[in-house]
Amino acid sequence: MPRLILRRYWSHLVIAWTMTATICARWESGTHLGPDTLPMAVIASWAWVLHCVSDLRVQVAEGFRAQHHTWNSILRSGPSHEPSPLYSAFVQRMRSTEEHLRAVAYSHRLHRLTIAFPDSWDQADDSRGAASLQHGRHGHVWLGSNWFEPNATAHLPVVLEHELGHILRRDNLRSTMVQAAGVFLMVLAAAWLPLDIAFLAAAALRLLYTGWLWGSELACDARAVRTCGRDAVIALWTHSAALQSTHPRPVRLWSGLCSAFTHPPYRLRIWWARRTDTPTTHGPHPLATLHDACGHAPTYTE
């Protein structure tokens, strides 16, 4: 176990050691270390890059294994008794989603694009969760089982296209490079600036990174608008905002504060969807024609 912890967090240890050494050196030599700090900043930055790349590779491989234990266990093995209409509709959505992912992987020259249920892999995950990972030409999508239920059929294409947007934009790689640049600048700030100004610089870098994350989320929302239609995207975020409003006020405030570091608020996403240009000729999404267990096609209403 200690070896596993050291392997997973070794880059954090390198960065912590670099920052500590930088501050200690400042106390000994004064407020300005000069160019001698550049090698330390480069080491910390590259340590973070290597850690992120290695962690992404492990997580994508873990997603490939999770597909066999969650997704394939439902799709490849039938029920022990006569399937109900609800179960048949659920499996049909899974098959259609898998076919769509196969077509996307082929058109964008991805070697592998897997999908799994996070709530079946880890009981702590939300059944409405959604996430995506990309390493090289391998991608993985986590989609909660709730998105395949009849009451969420209309939102499945939007959620899926949003996550595919992260993979096709290579947001994981971009995020790694942005974080590495932030680590590099933080080490230099700790070495060259007064400590109080250095803390303010670190906070400013964090805010800039949050703004970059918001931009990537809105860019994927724009892709969902172009592929699924504006009404479908607005319906998803309106529904999510309505669900959030059902929680107690302290819970809403806390969850909103935590999510604000990585995702823009729903009102901003709805505003952005309304102002995103859509193609003049827009056909239905391949998953937008899926029917629920009662034979009804999904409808998009605000």
Foldseek 3Di string as FASTA:
>chain_A
DVVVVCLLCVLVVLLVVLLVVLLVVCVVPHQAPPPVSQVSLLVSLVSLLVNLLVVLVVVLVVLVVQCVVAVCVLQVDDDPDPDALQSVLLNVLSVLVVVVQVVVLVVLVAPEEEEHEVCRVDVVDDLQDWAKGEHDSGIYIYGRSVCSGQVNLLQNLLRVQLRVLCHSVVVSSVLSNLVSVLSSVLSNLSNNHPPVVSVVVNVVSLVVSLVVLQVSSLVSNLRSCQQANLLSSLQVLVVVVVVLVVDDPVVSVVVCVVCSSRYPHSVVSNVSSVPRDYDPDYDHHSSQQRAGSVRDGDDGDD
